[in-house]
Protein backbone atom coordinates (compact mmCIF):
# COMPACT_ATOMS: atom_id res chain seq x y z
CA MET A 1 -2.34 0.55 -14.69
CA THR A 2 -5.34 -0.91 -16.53
CA ASN A 3 -8.57 1.13 -16.58
CA LEU A 4 -11.38 -1.06 -15.87
CA PRO A 5 -15.00 0.02 -16.05
CA PRO A 6 -16.67 0.84 -12.51
CA VAL A 7 -18.02 -2.14 -10.78
CA LYS A 8 -21.86 -1.97 -10.35
CA ALA A 9 -23.74 -3.77 -7.68
CA ARG A 10 -27.43 -3.85 -7.14
CA VAL A 11 -28.51 -2.75 -3.52
CA GLN A 12 -30.65 -5.29 -1.92
CA THR A 13 -32.94 -4.54 0.91
CA GLY A 14 -35.45 -6.79 2.64
CA GLY A 15 -34.58 -9.38 0.15
CA GLU A 16 -35.73 -7.07 -2.79
CA GLU A 17 -33.41 -5.82 -5.50
CA GLU A 18 -33.56 -2.03 -5.95
CA GLY A 19 -32.78 0.01 -9.05
CA ASN A 20 -29.98 2.06 -7.34
CA MET A 21 -26.50 1.03 -8.39
CA ILE A 22 -23.48 1.35 -6.26
CA GLN A 23 -20.51 2.52 -8.46
CA THR A 24 -17.17 2.23 -7.18
CA ASN A 25 -14.29 4.21 -9.02
CA GLY A 26 -11.30 3.59 -7.11
CA ILE A 27 -9.60 2.82 -3.75
CA ASP A 28 -9.70 5.80 -1.32
CA HIS A 29 -7.26 4.07 1.08
CA LEU A 30 -5.99 0.72 2.46
CA VAL A 31 -5.05 0.13 6.08
CA LEU A 32 -1.81 -1.31 7.19
CA HIS A 33 -1.40 -2.22 10.89
CA VAL A 34 1.92 -1.25 12.31
CA GLN A 35 3.73 -1.46 15.65
CA ASP A 36 5.18 2.12 15.45
CA VAL A 37 3.31 4.75 13.56
CA SER A 38 6.17 7.23 13.53
CA ARG A 39 8.76 4.75 12.17
CA ALA A 40 6.28 3.46 9.53
CA LYS A 41 5.39 7.21 8.62
CA LYS A 42 9.00 7.96 8.11
CA PHE A 43 9.58 4.91 5.83
CA TYR A 44 6.57 5.70 3.68
CA THR A 45 7.13 9.51 3.47
CA GLU A 46 11.16 9.69 3.25
CA LEU A 47 11.81 6.68 1.23
CA LEU A 48 8.66 6.29 -0.84
CA GLY A 49 7.63 9.90 -1.21
CA MET A 50 4.15 9.77 0.22
CA THR A 51 2.62 12.78 2.03
CA VAL A 52 0.75 12.91 5.29
CA TYR A 53 -2.79 14.57 5.16
CA ARG A 54 -4.05 13.65 8.42
CA GLU A 55 -2.56 12.03 11.51
CA ASN A 56 -2.66 11.54 15.26
CA ASP A 57 -0.76 9.38 17.75
CA ASN A 58 -2.36 6.09 16.69
CA GLN A 59 -2.88 6.79 12.73
CA ALA A 60 -1.41 8.40 9.81
CA PHE A 61 -3.27 8.96 6.60
CA LEU A 62 -0.87 9.32 3.59
CA HIS A 63 -1.52 10.47 -0.06
CA CYS A 64 -0.09 8.00 -2.67
CA GLY A 65 -0.79 9.68 -5.87
CA HIS A 66 -4.69 9.62 -6.07
CA GLN A 67 -4.92 6.70 -3.44
CA GLY A 68 -4.36 6.66 0.28
CA VAL A 69 -2.42 4.49 2.55
CA ALA A 70 -3.42 4.60 6.31
CA LEU A 71 -1.14 3.40 8.99
CA PHE A 72 -2.96 2.28 12.12
CA LYS A 73 -1.18 1.44 15.43
CA LYS A 74 -1.75 -2.27 16.10
CA ARG A 75 -3.76 -2.74 19.21
CA GLY A 76 -3.83 -5.40 21.79
CA ASP A 77 -1.18 -7.75 23.03
CA GLU A 78 -1.01 -10.04 20.03
CA PRO A 79 2.10 -9.75 18.13
CA LEU A 80 1.90 -8.10 14.58
CA THR A 81 1.72 -10.78 12.05
CA THR A 82 4.58 -9.44 10.03
CA GLY A 83 2.52 -7.83 7.32
CA ASN A 84 0.48 -11.16 6.32
CA ASP A 85 -2.88 -9.26 6.51
CA LEU A 86 -2.29 -8.66 2.71
CA ASN A 87 -0.25 -10.45 -0.01
CA HIS A 88 1.43 -7.26 -1.23
CA LEU A 89 0.80 -3.71 -2.07
CA ALA A 90 2.11 -2.74 -5.61
CA LEU A 91 3.04 1.00 -5.99
CA ASN A 92 3.49 2.84 -9.16
CA VAL A 93 6.49 5.03 -9.55
CA GLU A 94 6.90 8.35 -11.30
CA SER A 95 10.28 7.50 -12.69
CA GLY A 96 13.41 5.44 -12.40
CA THR A 97 14.88 2.24 -13.70
CA TYR A 98 15.05 -1.20 -12.08
CA GLU A 99 18.58 -0.44 -11.20
CA THR A 100 18.12 2.96 -9.71
CA LEU A 101 15.12 2.03 -7.76
CA LYS A 102 16.70 -1.04 -6.37
CA ALA A 103 19.89 0.88 -5.45
CA GLU A 104 17.88 3.51 -3.67
CA LEU A 105 16.22 0.99 -1.40
CA GLU A 106 19.40 -0.89 -0.76
CA ASN A 107 21.18 2.41 0.16
CA ASN A 108 18.51 2.70 2.75
CA GLY A 109 19.12 -0.70 4.11
CA VAL A 110 16.09 -2.24 2.56
CA THR A 111 16.53 -5.87 1.25
CA VAL A 112 15.15 -6.26 -2.35
CA THR A 113 13.96 -9.56 -3.70
CA GLY A 114 12.42 -10.58 -6.97
CA ARG A 115 9.73 -13.13 -7.77
CA PRO A 116 10.36 -16.71 -8.76
CA GLY A 117 10.99 -16.71 -12.40
CA GLU A 118 11.17 -12.99 -12.69
CA ASP A 119 14.10 -11.66 -10.61
CA ARG A 120 13.84 -8.13 -11.84
CA CYS A 121 10.60 -7.34 -9.96
CA ILE A 122 11.18 -5.00 -7.12
CA TYR A 123 9.81 -6.52 -3.80
CA PHE A 124 10.63 -5.50 -0.41
CA ASN A 125 9.27 -5.03 3.16
CA ASP A 126 8.33 -2.16 5.18
CA PRO A 127 9.57 -2.07 8.88
CA ASP A 128 6.36 -4.11 9.85
CA GLY A 129 6.89 -6.83 7.43
CA HIS A 130 4.29 -5.73 4.86
CA ARG A 131 5.42 -6.82 1.35
CA LEU A 132 5.55 -4.12 -1.12
CA GLN A 133 6.37 -3.91 -4.74
CA LEU A 134 7.44 -0.85 -7.11
CA MET A 135 5.94 -1.19 -10.61
CA VAL A 136 8.71 -0.25 -13.10
CA ARG A 137 7.23 0.59 -16.43
CA SER A 138 10.36 1.28 -18.37
């Protein structure tokens, strides 16, 4: 992962720019809407090694290294849009090769795809259709 300098933004109030700066230094969490929180939690914890740090019937907050992934139960009657609320979520992995990681996913019934022109990328979908990628650094 590339270390970029913090983004600085000037705070504006009433049309005037103030001297205080907002400095972001990372992503706390991102939210994925899911049909079944329990099913999604099982996928992210048992297959991808994330850990739950807070949950209730409608939400599960997971640690993924120093970042977080929040699984929120989809509300309303509209069908879930099969994960198209983001392009994809790329996850760093502690260890493993392309072959071992791909085999682990496939052994758990997950279909792995590549990217046009780069078939050794590990792309796959979670049970709600969110596109995920494992970043293999070896």
